[in-house]
Amino acid sequence: MSKTIIDDGFASYLVEGAKFVGKYQIPELSKHDTFIVPHDMIPFDKRNCVIDKDLAVNFYMHDKMFKQILTATKKYIGELSQFKCVISPDCSLYRDMPLCIQIINTYLNRAVAYYMQKQGIYVIPNIRWGDERSFEFCFDGVPKNDIVCISTYGCIQGCENKYYFKVGLRRMIQVLNPKIVLIYGSMPDSIFSEFSTLTRFVHYESYLSKIKGGNK
């Protein structure tokens, strides 16, 4: 019988040797000895459009655009290793998504990040949350007092989305106490000014904003 991805269960090679933490056994990432703050970022699907490799590769796009990094991670290690650093996959945690899928997506974020770290890639954890229910697991596996990355891209349109984003940002800072928070997308004072004395924010304009202009 031909081998399929199902035969490996859950791509166990990604987490070989990992320590699992929290109620849902999320893979734990290694803490950084030094902080690398990239001068810019490039989306995964645009990585071949740049000559400059002194960038961070991010996955702030629709999940289907980077599904291959979840199912065939090994294939992209050599290519991603050429870049300065990689932001861990931004697997969606929508508030109306079943909680079991949110847990799985958090696991995949950390599992791929853990594997990349083992291959020598400097990985900055991407933090994603939904509503308060996700706080039970969405920060698990991320070292405290470290560097993390978040995105507002497509996440803060309308009052309700802004509310949940700010609530999650507040909890993330409380739980992880990050020394540096990279922000991809718009950075309105109405959300971020409250936390400006608690951590160092580094802002990156989204790729579409740079190409088309304006906040996307």
N, C-alpha and C. Protein backbone atom coordinates (compact mmCIF):
# COMPACT_ATOMS: atom_id res chain seq x y z
N MET A 1 0.85 -1.19 0.00
CA MET A 1 0.00 0.00 0.00
C MET A 1 0.89 1.24 0.00
N SER A 2 0.56 2.19 -0.84
CA SER A 2 1.37 3.39 -0.92
C SER A 2 1.26 4.20 0.37
N LYS A 3 2.35 4.84 0.72
CA LYS A 3 2.38 5.63 1.96
C LYS A 3 1.71 6.98 1.74
N THR A 4 0.90 7.39 2.68
CA THR A 4 0.27 8.70 2.63
C THR A 4 0.64 9.47 3.88
N ILE A 5 0.30 10.75 3.90
CA ILE A 5 0.59 11.56 5.07
C ILE A 5 -0.13 11.03 6.31
N ILE A 6 -1.26 10.35 6.10
CA ILE A 6 -2.02 9.79 7.22
C ILE A 6 -1.21 8.73 7.96
N ASP A 7 -0.35 8.02 7.24
CA ASP A 7 0.42 6.94 7.85
C ASP A 7 1.31 7.43 8.99
N ASP A 8 1.71 8.67 8.93
CA ASP A 8 2.59 9.22 9.97
C ASP A 8 1.79 9.78 11.14
N GLY A 9 0.50 9.62 11.12
CA GLY A 9 -0.32 10.07 12.24
C GLY A 9 -0.43 11.57 12.31
N PHE A 10 0.57 12.22 12.90
CA PHE A 10 0.51 13.67 13.04
C PHE A 10 1.86 14.31 12.68
N ALA A 11 2.52 13.74 11.68
CA ALA A 11 3.85 14.22 11.28
C ALA A 11 4.74 14.28 12.52
N SER A 12 4.90 13.14 13.17
CA SER A 12 5.60 13.07 14.44
C SER A 12 7.05 13.52 14.36
N TYR A 13 7.65 13.46 13.16
CA TYR A 13 9.04 13.90 13.03
C TYR A 13 9.20 15.37 13.41
N LEU A 14 8.13 16.14 13.29
CA LEU A 14 8.21 17.57 13.62
C LEU A 14 8.53 17.80 15.08
N VAL A 15 8.04 16.92 15.93
CA VAL A 15 8.16 17.16 17.38
C VAL A 15 9.02 16.10 18.07
N GLU A 16 9.86 15.42 17.32
CA GLU A 16 10.73 14.42 17.93
C GLU A 16 11.66 15.08 18.95
N GLY A 17 11.60 14.62 20.18
CA GLY A 17 12.43 15.19 21.24
C GLY A 17 11.84 16.39 21.94
N ALA A 18 10.65 16.80 21.54
CA ALA A 18 10.04 18.01 22.12
C ALA A 18 9.51 17.74 23.53
N LYS A 19 9.46 18.80 24.32
CA LYS A 19 8.75 18.78 25.59
C LYS A 19 7.36 19.37 25.33
N PHE A 20 6.34 18.71 25.86
CA PHE A 20 4.97 19.16 25.64
C PHE A 20 4.44 19.78 26.94
N VAL A 21 3.79 20.93 26.78
CA VAL A 21 3.37 21.69 27.96
C VAL A 21 1.88 22.03 27.89
N GLY A 22 1.32 22.31 29.06
CA GLY A 22 -0.07 22.75 29.13
C GLY A 22 -1.05 21.59 29.06
N LYS A 23 -2.30 21.91 29.26
CA LYS A 23 -3.38 20.92 29.26
C LYS A 23 -3.44 20.15 27.95
N TYR A 24 -3.12 20.82 26.84
CA TYR A 24 -3.27 20.20 25.53
C TYR A 24 -1.95 19.75 24.92
N GLN A 25 -0.89 19.75 25.72
CA GLN A 25 0.41 19.23 25.31
C GLN A 25 0.92 19.88 24.02
N ILE A 26 1.11 21.17 24.11
CA ILE A 26 1.65 21.95 22.99
C ILE A 26 3.17 21.87 23.03
N PRO A 27 3.85 21.68 21.90
CA PRO A 27 5.32 21.63 21.90
C PRO A 27 5.93 22.93 22.42
N GLU A 28 6.95 22.79 23.24
CA GLU A 28 7.61 23.96 23.82
C GLU A 28 8.78 24.39 22.96
N LEU A 29 8.86 25.68 22.68
CA LEU A 29 9.95 26.23 21.87
C LEU A 29 11.11 26.65 22.76
N SER A 30 12.28 26.75 22.15
CA SER A 30 13.48 27.18 22.87
C SER A 30 13.51 28.69 23.00
N LYS A 31 14.00 29.15 24.13
CA LYS A 31 14.16 30.59 24.34
C LYS A 31 15.40 31.07 23.60
N HIS A 32 15.35 32.29 23.08
CA HIS A 32 16.47 32.84 22.33
C HIS A 32 17.55 33.38 23.26
N ASP A 33 18.80 33.14 22.90
CA ASP A 33 19.92 33.71 23.64
C ASP A 33 20.12 35.18 23.29
N THR A 34 19.83 35.51 22.05
CA THR A 34 19.92 36.90 21.58
C THR A 34 18.67 37.22 20.77
N PHE A 35 18.37 38.49 20.67
CA PHE A 35 17.19 38.93 19.93
C PHE A 35 17.60 39.41 18.54
N ILE A 36 16.98 38.84 17.53
CA ILE A 36 17.16 39.31 16.16
C ILE A 36 15.90 40.07 15.76
N VAL A 37 16.07 41.33 15.41
CA VAL A 37 14.96 42.17 14.97
C VAL A 37 15.17 42.47 13.49
N PRO A 38 14.43 41.82 12.60
CA PRO A 38 14.64 42.03 11.16
C PRO A 38 14.26 43.44 10.75
N HIS A 39 14.92 43.92 9.69
CA HIS A 39 14.61 45.27 9.22
C HIS A 39 13.32 45.30 8.40
N ASP A 40 12.88 44.13 7.92
CA ASP A 40 11.63 44.06 7.17
C ASP A 40 11.18 42.61 7.09
N MET A 41 9.96 42.41 6.58
CA MET A 41 9.39 41.08 6.43
C MET A 41 8.90 40.88 5.00
N ILE A 42 8.84 39.60 4.61
CA ILE A 42 8.29 39.24 3.31
C ILE A 42 7.33 38.06 3.50
N PRO A 43 6.13 38.11 2.92
CA PRO A 43 5.23 36.97 3.04
C PRO A 43 5.80 35.73 2.35
N PHE A 44 5.47 34.57 2.88
CA PHE A 44 5.96 33.30 2.36
C PHE A 44 5.71 33.17 0.86
N ASP A 45 4.54 33.57 0.40
CA ASP A 45 4.21 33.40 -1.02
C ASP A 45 4.91 34.42 -1.92
N LYS A 46 5.62 35.38 -1.32
CA LYS A 46 6.38 36.37 -2.11
C LYS A 46 7.88 36.20 -1.91
N ARG A 47 8.29 35.13 -1.27
CA ARG A 47 9.69 34.94 -0.90
C ARG A 47 10.62 34.89 -2.10
N ASN A 48 10.11 34.44 -3.25
CA ASN A 48 10.95 34.33 -4.43
C ASN A 48 11.01 35.64 -5.22
N CYS A 49 10.34 36.66 -4.72
CA CYS A 49 10.32 37.95 -5.41
C CYS A 49 11.41 38.89 -4.91
N VAL A 50 12.21 38.45 -3.94
CA VAL A 50 13.23 39.32 -3.36
C VAL A 50 14.61 38.71 -3.51
N ILE A 51 15.58 39.58 -3.69
CA ILE A 51 16.98 39.16 -3.70
C ILE A 51 17.55 39.25 -2.29
N ASP A 52 17.14 40.29 -1.57
CA ASP A 52 17.59 40.50 -0.20
C ASP A 52 17.04 39.39 0.70
N LYS A 53 17.93 38.64 1.31
CA LYS A 53 17.52 37.56 2.21
C LYS A 53 17.63 37.99 3.68
N ASP A 54 18.03 39.22 3.89
CA ASP A 54 18.18 39.73 5.26
C ASP A 54 16.83 40.17 5.81
N LEU A 55 15.86 39.27 5.72
CA LEU A 55 14.47 39.57 6.05
C LEU A 55 13.89 38.44 6.90
N ALA A 56 12.72 38.72 7.47
CA ALA A 56 11.94 37.66 8.11
C ALA A 56 10.86 37.20 7.14
N VAL A 57 10.69 35.91 7.04
CA VAL A 57 9.59 35.35 6.26
C VAL A 57 8.40 35.16 7.19
N ASN A 58 7.23 35.66 6.79
CA ASN A 58 6.04 35.47 7.62
C ASN A 58 4.97 34.70 6.84
N PHE A 59 3.93 34.30 7.57
CA PHE A 59 2.84 33.53 6.99
C PHE A 59 1.50 34.24 7.22
N TYR A 60 1.53 35.56 7.13
CA TYR A 60 0.31 36.35 7.34
C TYR A 60 -0.46 36.44 6.03
N MET A 61 -1.18 35.37 5.75
CA MET A 61 -1.98 35.24 4.54
C MET A 61 -3.00 34.14 4.81
N HIS A 62 -3.89 33.91 3.87
CA HIS A 62 -4.87 32.84 4.05
C HIS A 62 -4.17 31.51 4.26
N ASP A 63 -4.69 30.71 5.16
CA ASP A 63 -4.05 29.44 5.51
C ASP A 63 -3.75 28.57 4.29
N LYS A 64 -4.62 28.59 3.30
CA LYS A 64 -4.41 27.72 2.14
C LYS A 64 -3.16 28.10 1.36
N MET A 65 -2.68 29.34 1.55
CA MET A 65 -1.51 29.80 0.83
C MET A 65 -0.20 29.24 1.41
N PHE A 66 -0.26 28.68 2.62
CA PHE A 66 0.95 28.11 3.19
C PHE A 66 0.74 26.69 3.72
N LYS A 67 -0.29 26.02 3.25
CA LYS A 67 -0.58 24.68 3.76
C LYS A 67 0.59 23.73 3.54
N GLN A 68 1.39 23.96 2.50
CA GLN A 68 2.51 23.06 2.22
C GLN A 68 3.57 23.12 3.30
N ILE A 69 3.69 24.24 3.99
CA ILE A 69 4.69 24.32 5.06
C ILE A 69 4.27 23.46 6.25
N LEU A 70 2.99 23.15 6.34
CA LEU A 70 2.48 22.29 7.42
C LEU A 70 2.56 20.82 7.05
N THR A 71 2.41 20.52 5.78
CA THR A 71 2.34 19.12 5.34
C THR A 71 3.65 18.60 4.76
N ALA A 72 4.54 19.50 4.36
CA ALA A 72 5.83 19.09 3.78
C ALA A 72 6.93 20.02 4.28
N THR A 73 7.01 20.16 5.59
CA THR A 73 7.93 21.13 6.20
C THR A 73 9.37 20.91 5.75
N LYS A 74 9.81 19.66 5.71
CA LYS A 74 11.19 19.35 5.37
C LYS A 74 11.61 19.97 4.03
N LYS A 75 10.68 20.01 3.11
CA LYS A 75 10.98 20.47 1.76
C LYS A 75 11.45 21.92 1.72
N TYR A 76 11.04 22.71 2.72
CA TYR A 76 11.29 24.16 2.66
C TYR A 76 12.39 24.63 3.61
N ILE A 77 12.99 23.70 4.34
CA ILE A 77 14.00 24.10 5.33
C ILE A 77 15.19 24.78 4.67
N GLY A 78 15.72 24.20 3.61
CA GLY A 78 16.88 24.78 2.95
C GLY A 78 16.61 26.18 2.44
N GLU A 79 15.45 26.36 1.85
CA GLU A 79 15.08 27.66 1.30
C GLU A 79 14.89 28.70 2.41
N LEU A 80 14.18 28.33 3.47
CA LEU A 80 13.91 29.28 4.55
C LEU A 80 15.17 29.59 5.35
N SER A 81 16.11 28.66 5.35
CA SER A 81 17.36 28.88 6.08
C SER A 81 18.18 30.02 5.50
N GLN A 82 17.89 30.40 4.26
CA GLN A 82 18.63 31.49 3.63
C GLN A 82 18.23 32.85 4.19
N PHE A 83 17.07 32.91 4.83
CA PHE A 83 16.59 34.19 5.34
C PHE A 83 17.07 34.41 6.78
N LYS A 84 17.03 35.65 7.20
CA LYS A 84 17.53 36.01 8.52
C LYS A 84 16.76 35.30 9.63
N CYS A 85 15.45 35.23 9.48
CA CYS A 85 14.62 34.53 10.47
C CYS A 85 13.27 34.22 9.85
N VAL A 86 12.50 33.43 10.57
CA VAL A 86 11.18 33.01 10.10
C VAL A 86 10.18 33.22 11.24
N ILE A 87 9.02 33.78 10.92
CA ILE A 87 7.92 33.87 11.87
C ILE A 87 7.13 32.56 11.78
N SER A 88 6.79 31.97 12.90
CA SER A 88 6.09 30.68 12.86
C SER A 88 4.73 30.82 12.17
N PRO A 89 4.21 29.74 11.59
CA PRO A 89 2.98 29.81 10.78
C PRO A 89 1.79 30.42 11.51
N ASP A 90 1.08 31.27 10.80
CA ASP A 90 -0.07 31.98 11.36
C ASP A 90 -1.35 31.17 11.09
N CYS A 91 -1.45 30.02 11.71
CA CYS A 91 -2.65 29.19 11.56
C CYS A 91 -3.82 29.89 12.26
N SER A 92 -4.94 29.97 11.58
CA SER A 92 -6.06 30.81 12.03
C SER A 92 -6.67 30.33 13.35
N LEU A 93 -7.07 31.31 14.16
CA LEU A 93 -7.87 31.06 15.37
C LEU A 93 -9.06 32.02 15.34
N TYR A 94 -10.02 31.74 14.47
CA TYR A 94 -11.21 32.58 14.40
C TYR A 94 -12.11 32.31 15.61
N ARG A 95 -12.79 33.34 16.06
CA ARG A 95 -13.63 33.19 17.25
C ARG A 95 -14.79 32.22 17.01
N ASP A 96 -15.27 32.13 15.77
CA ASP A 96 -16.38 31.22 15.47
C ASP A 96 -15.90 29.85 15.00
N MET A 97 -14.63 29.61 15.08
CA MET A 97 -14.05 28.32 14.71
C MET A 97 -14.21 27.36 15.89
N PRO A 98 -14.55 26.10 15.65
CA PRO A 98 -14.62 25.13 16.75
C PRO A 98 -13.33 25.15 17.56
N LEU A 99 -13.46 25.06 18.88
CA LEU A 99 -12.30 25.19 19.74
C LEU A 99 -11.27 24.10 19.48
N CYS A 100 -11.74 22.91 19.11
CA CYS A 100 -10.79 21.82 18.84
C CYS A 100 -9.88 22.17 17.66
N ILE A 101 -10.40 22.88 16.67
CA ILE A 101 -9.58 23.29 15.53
C ILE A 101 -8.60 24.38 15.94
N GLN A 102 -9.03 25.28 16.82
CA GLN A 102 -8.12 26.30 17.33
C GLN A 102 -6.94 25.67 18.07
N ILE A 103 -7.23 24.63 18.84
CA ILE A 103 -6.15 23.93 19.56
C ILE A 103 -5.20 23.26 18.57
N ILE A 104 -5.76 22.60 17.57
CA ILE A 104 -4.93 21.96 16.55
C ILE A 104 -4.05 22.98 15.85
N ASN A 105 -4.62 24.12 15.50
CA ASN A 105 -3.85 25.14 14.78
C ASN A 105 -2.74 25.73 15.65
N THR A 106 -2.99 25.86 16.95
CA THR A 106 -1.94 26.30 17.85
C THR A 106 -0.83 25.25 17.91
N TYR A 107 -1.21 23.99 17.98
CA TYR A 107 -0.24 22.90 17.97
C TYR A 107 0.63 22.95 16.70
N LEU A 108 -0.01 23.12 15.55
CA LEU A 108 0.73 23.14 14.28
C LEU A 108 1.70 24.32 14.23
N ASN A 109 1.28 25.45 14.72
CA ASN A 109 2.15 26.63 14.81
C ASN A 109 3.44 26.27 15.54
N ARG A 110 3.29 25.66 16.72
CA ARG A 110 4.45 25.36 17.55
C ARG A 110 5.26 24.17 17.00
N ALA A 111 4.56 23.17 16.46
CA ALA A 111 5.26 21.98 15.96
C ALA A 111 6.20 22.34 14.81
N VAL A 112 5.70 23.12 13.86
CA VAL A 112 6.54 23.54 12.73
C VAL A 112 7.67 24.43 13.23
N ALA A 113 7.35 25.33 14.16
CA ALA A 113 8.39 26.22 14.71
C ALA A 113 9.47 25.41 15.42
N TYR A 114 9.06 24.41 16.19
CA TYR A 114 10.02 23.57 16.91
C TYR A 114 10.95 22.86 15.93
N TYR A 115 10.38 22.30 14.88
CA TYR A 115 11.19 21.60 13.89
C TYR A 115 12.18 22.54 13.21
N MET A 116 11.70 23.73 12.85
CA MET A 116 12.59 24.70 12.22
C MET A 116 13.73 25.09 13.16
N GLN A 117 13.40 25.29 14.44
CA GLN A 117 14.46 25.60 15.40
C GLN A 117 15.52 24.50 15.43
N LYS A 118 15.08 23.26 15.41
CA LYS A 118 16.03 22.13 15.45
C LYS A 118 16.93 22.11 14.21
N GLN A 119 16.45 22.68 13.12
CA GLN A 119 17.24 22.73 11.87
C GLN A 119 18.13 23.97 11.83
N GLY A 120 18.15 24.74 12.91
CA GLY A 120 19.05 25.89 12.98
C GLY A 120 18.46 27.20 12.51
N ILE A 121 17.18 27.24 12.22
CA ILE A 121 16.53 28.48 11.79
C ILE A 121 16.16 29.31 13.02
N TYR A 122 16.39 30.61 12.94
CA TYR A 122 15.97 31.51 14.01
C TYR A 122 14.47 31.77 13.82
N VAL A 123 13.68 31.22 14.71
CA VAL A 123 12.22 31.29 14.59
C VAL A 123 11.67 32.23 15.65
N ILE A 124 10.86 33.17 15.23
CA ILE A 124 10.16 34.06 16.15
C ILE A 124 8.72 33.58 16.25
N PRO A 125 8.26 33.23 17.45
CA PRO A 125 6.90 32.69 17.58
C PRO A 125 5.84 33.70 17.20
N ASN A 126 4.94 33.27 16.34
CA ASN A 126 3.75 34.06 16.04
C ASN A 126 2.67 33.71 17.07
N ILE A 127 2.07 34.74 17.65
CA ILE A 127 1.03 34.53 18.65
C ILE A 127 -0.31 34.91 18.04
N ARG A 128 -1.25 34.00 18.12
CA ARG A 128 -2.59 34.22 17.59
C ARG A 128 -3.60 33.77 18.64
N TRP A 129 -4.67 34.52 18.80
CA TRP A 129 -5.72 34.17 19.75
C TRP A 129 -7.08 34.42 19.13
N GLY A 130 -8.12 33.88 19.76
CA GLY A 130 -9.49 34.12 19.34
C GLY A 130 -10.17 34.96 20.40
N ASP A 131 -11.11 34.36 21.13
CA ASP A 131 -11.69 35.05 22.27
C ASP A 131 -11.06 34.50 23.55
N GLU A 132 -11.66 34.81 24.70
CA GLU A 132 -11.06 34.44 25.99
C GLU A 132 -10.89 32.93 26.14
N ARG A 133 -11.69 32.12 25.45
CA ARG A 133 -11.56 30.68 25.56
C ARG A 133 -10.20 30.19 25.09
N SER A 134 -9.65 30.87 24.11
CA SER A 134 -8.37 30.43 23.55
C SER A 134 -7.19 30.72 24.48
N PHE A 135 -7.42 31.55 25.51
CA PHE A 135 -6.31 31.90 26.40
C PHE A 135 -5.83 30.68 27.19
N GLU A 136 -6.62 29.63 27.21
CA GLU A 136 -6.26 28.41 27.92
C GLU A 136 -5.09 27.70 27.26
N PHE A 137 -4.85 27.99 25.96
CA PHE A 137 -3.81 27.25 25.24
C PHE A 137 -2.99 28.08 24.27
N CYS A 138 -3.47 29.25 23.85
CA CYS A 138 -2.85 29.94 22.72
C CYS A 138 -1.48 30.54 23.02
N PHE A 139 -1.10 30.61 24.30
CA PHE A 139 0.23 31.11 24.66
C PHE A 139 1.18 29.98 25.06
N ASP A 140 0.67 28.76 25.10
CA ASP A 140 1.48 27.62 25.54
C ASP A 140 2.62 27.35 24.57
N GLY A 141 3.73 26.93 25.14
CA GLY A 141 4.89 26.56 24.33
C GLY A 141 5.78 27.72 23.93
N VAL A 142 5.40 28.95 24.29
CA VAL A 142 6.18 30.13 23.92
C VAL A 142 6.97 30.60 25.15
N PRO A 143 8.27 30.77 25.04
CA PRO A 143 9.07 31.20 26.19
C PRO A 143 8.67 32.59 26.67
N LYS A 144 8.75 32.78 27.97
CA LYS A 144 8.49 34.10 28.55
C LYS A 144 9.73 34.98 28.42
N ASN A 145 9.51 36.28 28.50
CA ASN A 145 10.60 37.27 28.46
C ASN A 145 11.43 37.14 27.19
N ASP A 146 10.75 36.89 26.07
CA ASP A 146 11.44 36.63 24.81
C ASP A 146 10.89 37.57 23.73
N ILE A 147 11.15 37.25 22.49
CA ILE A 147 10.66 38.02 21.35
C ILE A 147 9.52 37.25 20.68
N VAL A 148 8.45 37.94 20.33
CA VAL A 148 7.31 37.33 19.65
C VAL A 148 6.86 38.23 18.52
N CYS A 149 5.94 37.71 17.71
CA CYS A 149 5.40 38.49 16.60
C CYS A 149 3.88 38.33 16.58
N ILE A 150 3.18 39.41 16.26
CA ILE A 150 1.73 39.37 16.09
C ILE A 150 1.38 40.14 14.82
N SER A 151 0.16 39.94 14.36
CA SER A 151 -0.30 40.67 13.17
C SER A 151 -1.68 41.25 13.40
N THR A 152 -1.85 42.48 12.97
CA THR A 152 -3.18 43.11 12.97
C THR A 152 -3.83 42.99 11.60
N TYR A 153 -3.10 42.45 10.65
CA TYR A 153 -3.57 42.39 9.27
C TYR A 153 -4.87 41.60 9.18
N GLY A 154 -5.96 42.27 8.83
CA GLY A 154 -7.26 41.63 8.71
C GLY A 154 -7.93 41.31 10.04
N CYS A 155 -7.39 41.82 11.14
CA CYS A 155 -7.87 41.41 12.47
C CYS A 155 -8.53 42.52 13.29
N ILE A 156 -8.46 43.76 12.82
CA ILE A 156 -8.95 44.84 13.68
C ILE A 156 -9.97 45.74 12.97
N GLN A 157 -10.63 45.20 11.95
CA GLN A 157 -11.70 45.96 11.32
C GLN A 157 -12.95 45.86 12.18
N GLY A 158 -13.50 47.00 12.56
CA GLY A 158 -14.73 47.01 13.34
C GLY A 158 -14.46 46.97 14.83
N CYS A 159 -15.42 47.47 15.59
CA CYS A 159 -15.26 47.60 17.04
C CYS A 159 -15.10 46.25 17.74
N GLU A 160 -15.86 45.24 17.31
CA GLU A 160 -15.79 43.95 17.98
C GLU A 160 -14.42 43.31 17.80
N ASN A 161 -13.90 43.35 16.58
CA ASN A 161 -12.59 42.77 16.33
C ASN A 161 -11.50 43.52 17.09
N LYS A 162 -11.60 44.83 17.15
CA LYS A 162 -10.63 45.62 17.90
C LYS A 162 -10.68 45.26 19.38
N TYR A 163 -11.89 45.08 19.89
CA TYR A 163 -12.04 44.73 21.30
C TYR A 163 -11.33 43.41 21.61
N TYR A 164 -11.60 42.38 20.84
CA TYR A 164 -11.01 41.08 21.12
C TYR A 164 -9.51 41.08 20.88
N PHE A 165 -9.06 41.85 19.90
CA PHE A 165 -7.63 41.93 19.67
C PHE A 165 -6.93 42.56 20.87
N LYS A 166 -7.49 43.63 21.38
CA LYS A 166 -6.87 44.33 22.52
C LYS A 166 -6.91 43.47 23.78
N VAL A 167 -8.01 42.78 23.99
CA VAL A 167 -8.12 41.88 25.15
C VAL A 167 -7.03 40.80 25.07
N GLY A 168 -6.84 40.23 23.88
CA GLY A 168 -5.82 39.21 23.71
C GLY A 168 -4.41 39.75 23.85
N LEU A 169 -4.19 40.95 23.35
CA LEU A 169 -2.88 41.58 23.47
C LEU A 169 -2.54 41.80 24.95
N ARG A 170 -3.51 42.29 25.69
CA ARG A 170 -3.30 42.50 27.12
C ARG A 170 -2.94 41.20 27.83
N ARG A 171 -3.67 40.13 27.52
CA ARG A 171 -3.40 38.85 28.16
C ARG A 171 -2.05 38.29 27.73
N MET A 172 -1.71 38.45 26.46
CA MET A 172 -0.42 37.97 25.99
C MET A 172 0.72 38.62 26.76
N ILE A 173 0.63 39.92 26.95
CA ILE A 173 1.69 40.64 27.68
C ILE A 173 1.73 40.19 29.14
N GLN A 174 0.58 39.96 29.73
CA GLN A 174 0.53 39.48 31.11
C GLN A 174 1.16 38.10 31.25
N VAL A 175 0.86 37.22 30.31
CA VAL A 175 1.30 35.82 30.41
C VAL A 175 2.76 35.66 29.98
N LEU A 176 3.14 36.26 28.87
CA LEU A 176 4.46 36.01 28.29
C LEU A 176 5.50 37.07 28.65
N ASN A 177 5.05 38.27 29.02
CA ASN A 177 5.96 39.38 29.34
C ASN A 177 7.05 39.51 28.28
N PRO A 178 6.68 39.62 27.01
CA PRO A 178 7.70 39.67 25.95
C PRO A 178 8.54 40.93 26.04
N LYS A 179 9.82 40.78 25.75
CA LYS A 179 10.71 41.93 25.73
C LYS A 179 10.56 42.73 24.44
N ILE A 180 10.26 42.02 23.34
CA ILE A 180 10.07 42.66 22.03
C ILE A 180 8.85 42.04 21.37
N VAL A 181 7.97 42.89 20.82
CA VAL A 181 6.81 42.42 20.08
C VAL A 181 6.86 43.02 18.68
N LEU A 182 7.05 42.19 17.68
CA LEU A 182 7.00 42.65 16.29
C LEU A 182 5.54 42.70 15.87
N ILE A 183 5.17 43.76 15.17
CA ILE A 183 3.78 43.96 14.76
C ILE A 183 3.72 44.12 13.25
N TYR A 184 3.02 43.21 12.59
CA TYR A 184 2.86 43.26 11.14
C TYR A 184 1.46 43.77 10.83
N GLY A 185 1.39 44.91 10.14
CA GLY A 185 0.10 45.53 9.85
C GLY A 185 -0.03 46.85 10.60
N SER A 186 -1.19 47.45 10.51
CA SER A 186 -1.40 48.76 11.14
C SER A 186 -1.26 48.66 12.65
N MET A 187 -0.91 49.80 13.26
CA MET A 187 -0.64 49.83 14.70
C MET A 187 -1.33 51.05 15.32
N PRO A 188 -2.66 51.02 15.44
CA PRO A 188 -3.38 52.19 15.96
C PRO A 188 -3.12 52.43 17.44
N ASP A 189 -3.00 53.70 17.81
CA ASP A 189 -2.77 54.06 19.20
C ASP A 189 -3.91 53.60 20.10
N SER A 190 -5.12 53.54 19.56
CA SER A 190 -6.27 53.13 20.36
C SER A 190 -6.13 51.73 20.92
N ILE A 191 -5.29 50.91 20.28
CA ILE A 191 -5.04 49.55 20.75
C ILE A 191 -3.72 49.46 21.50
N PHE A 192 -2.68 50.08 20.98
CA PHE A 192 -1.34 49.80 21.47
C PHE A 192 -0.79 50.78 22.50
N SER A 193 -1.32 51.99 22.57
CA SER A 193 -0.71 52.99 23.45
C SER A 193 -0.73 52.57 24.92
N GLU A 194 -1.75 51.84 25.32
CA GLU A 194 -1.87 51.39 26.71
C GLU A 194 -0.69 50.52 27.14
N PHE A 195 -0.05 49.85 26.19
CA PHE A 195 0.98 48.87 26.51
C PHE A 195 2.39 49.34 26.16
N SER A 196 2.52 50.59 25.76
CA SER A 196 3.79 51.07 25.21
C SER A 196 4.92 51.07 26.24
N THR A 197 4.60 51.12 27.51
CA THR A 197 5.64 51.11 28.55
C THR A 197 5.96 49.69 29.04
N LEU A 198 5.22 48.71 28.56
CA LEU A 198 5.36 47.35 29.07
C LEU A 198 6.29 46.48 28.22
N THR A 199 6.51 46.88 26.97
CA THR A 199 7.35 46.10 26.07
C THR A 199 7.84 47.01 24.96
N ARG A 200 8.71 46.52 24.14
CA ARG A 200 9.18 47.26 22.97
C ARG A 200 8.43 46.77 21.75
N PHE A 201 7.70 47.66 21.11
CA PHE A 201 6.99 47.34 19.88
C PHE A 201 7.84 47.73 18.67
N VAL A 202 7.89 46.86 17.68
CA VAL A 202 8.57 47.15 16.41
C VAL A 202 7.55 46.95 15.30
N HIS A 203 7.28 48.00 14.55
CA HIS A 203 6.19 47.99 13.58
C HIS A 203 6.69 47.70 12.16
N TYR A 204 5.93 46.87 11.43
CA TYR A 204 6.21 46.56 10.03
C TYR A 204 4.95 46.79 9.21
N GLU A 205 5.06 47.59 8.19
CA GLU A 205 3.94 47.80 7.29
C GLU A 205 3.68 46.52 6.50
N SER A 206 2.41 46.21 6.28
CA SER A 206 2.08 44.99 5.54
C SER A 206 2.55 45.11 4.09
N TYR A 207 2.75 43.97 3.47
CA TYR A 207 3.22 43.93 2.08
C TYR A 207 2.25 44.64 1.15
N LEU A 208 0.96 44.40 1.32
CA LEU A 208 -0.03 45.04 0.44
C LEU A 208 -0.08 46.54 0.66
N SER A 209 0.10 46.98 1.88
CA SER A 209 0.11 48.41 2.15
C SER A 209 1.27 49.07 1.44
N LYS A 210 2.42 48.41 1.45
CA LYS A 210 3.59 48.98 0.77
C LYS A 210 3.39 49.01 -0.74
N ILE A 211 2.71 47.98 -1.27
CA ILE A 211 2.51 47.92 -2.72
C ILE A 211 1.40 48.87 -3.18
N LYS A 212 0.29 48.89 -2.44
CA LYS A 212 -0.89 49.64 -2.86
C LYS A 212 -1.07 50.97 -2.13
N GLY A 213 -0.45 51.07 -0.95
CA GLY A 213 -0.63 52.27 -0.15
C GLY A 213 -1.84 52.16 0.75
N GLY A 214 -1.77 52.78 1.92
CA GLY A 214 -2.89 52.77 2.87
C GLY A 214 -2.82 51.58 3.80
N ASN A 215 -3.66 51.57 4.80
CA ASN A 215 -3.71 50.49 5.79
C ASN A 215 -4.62 49.38 5.29
N LYS A 216 -4.08 48.18 5.26
CA LYS A 216 -4.84 47.01 4.77
C LYS A 216 -5.11 46.07 5.91
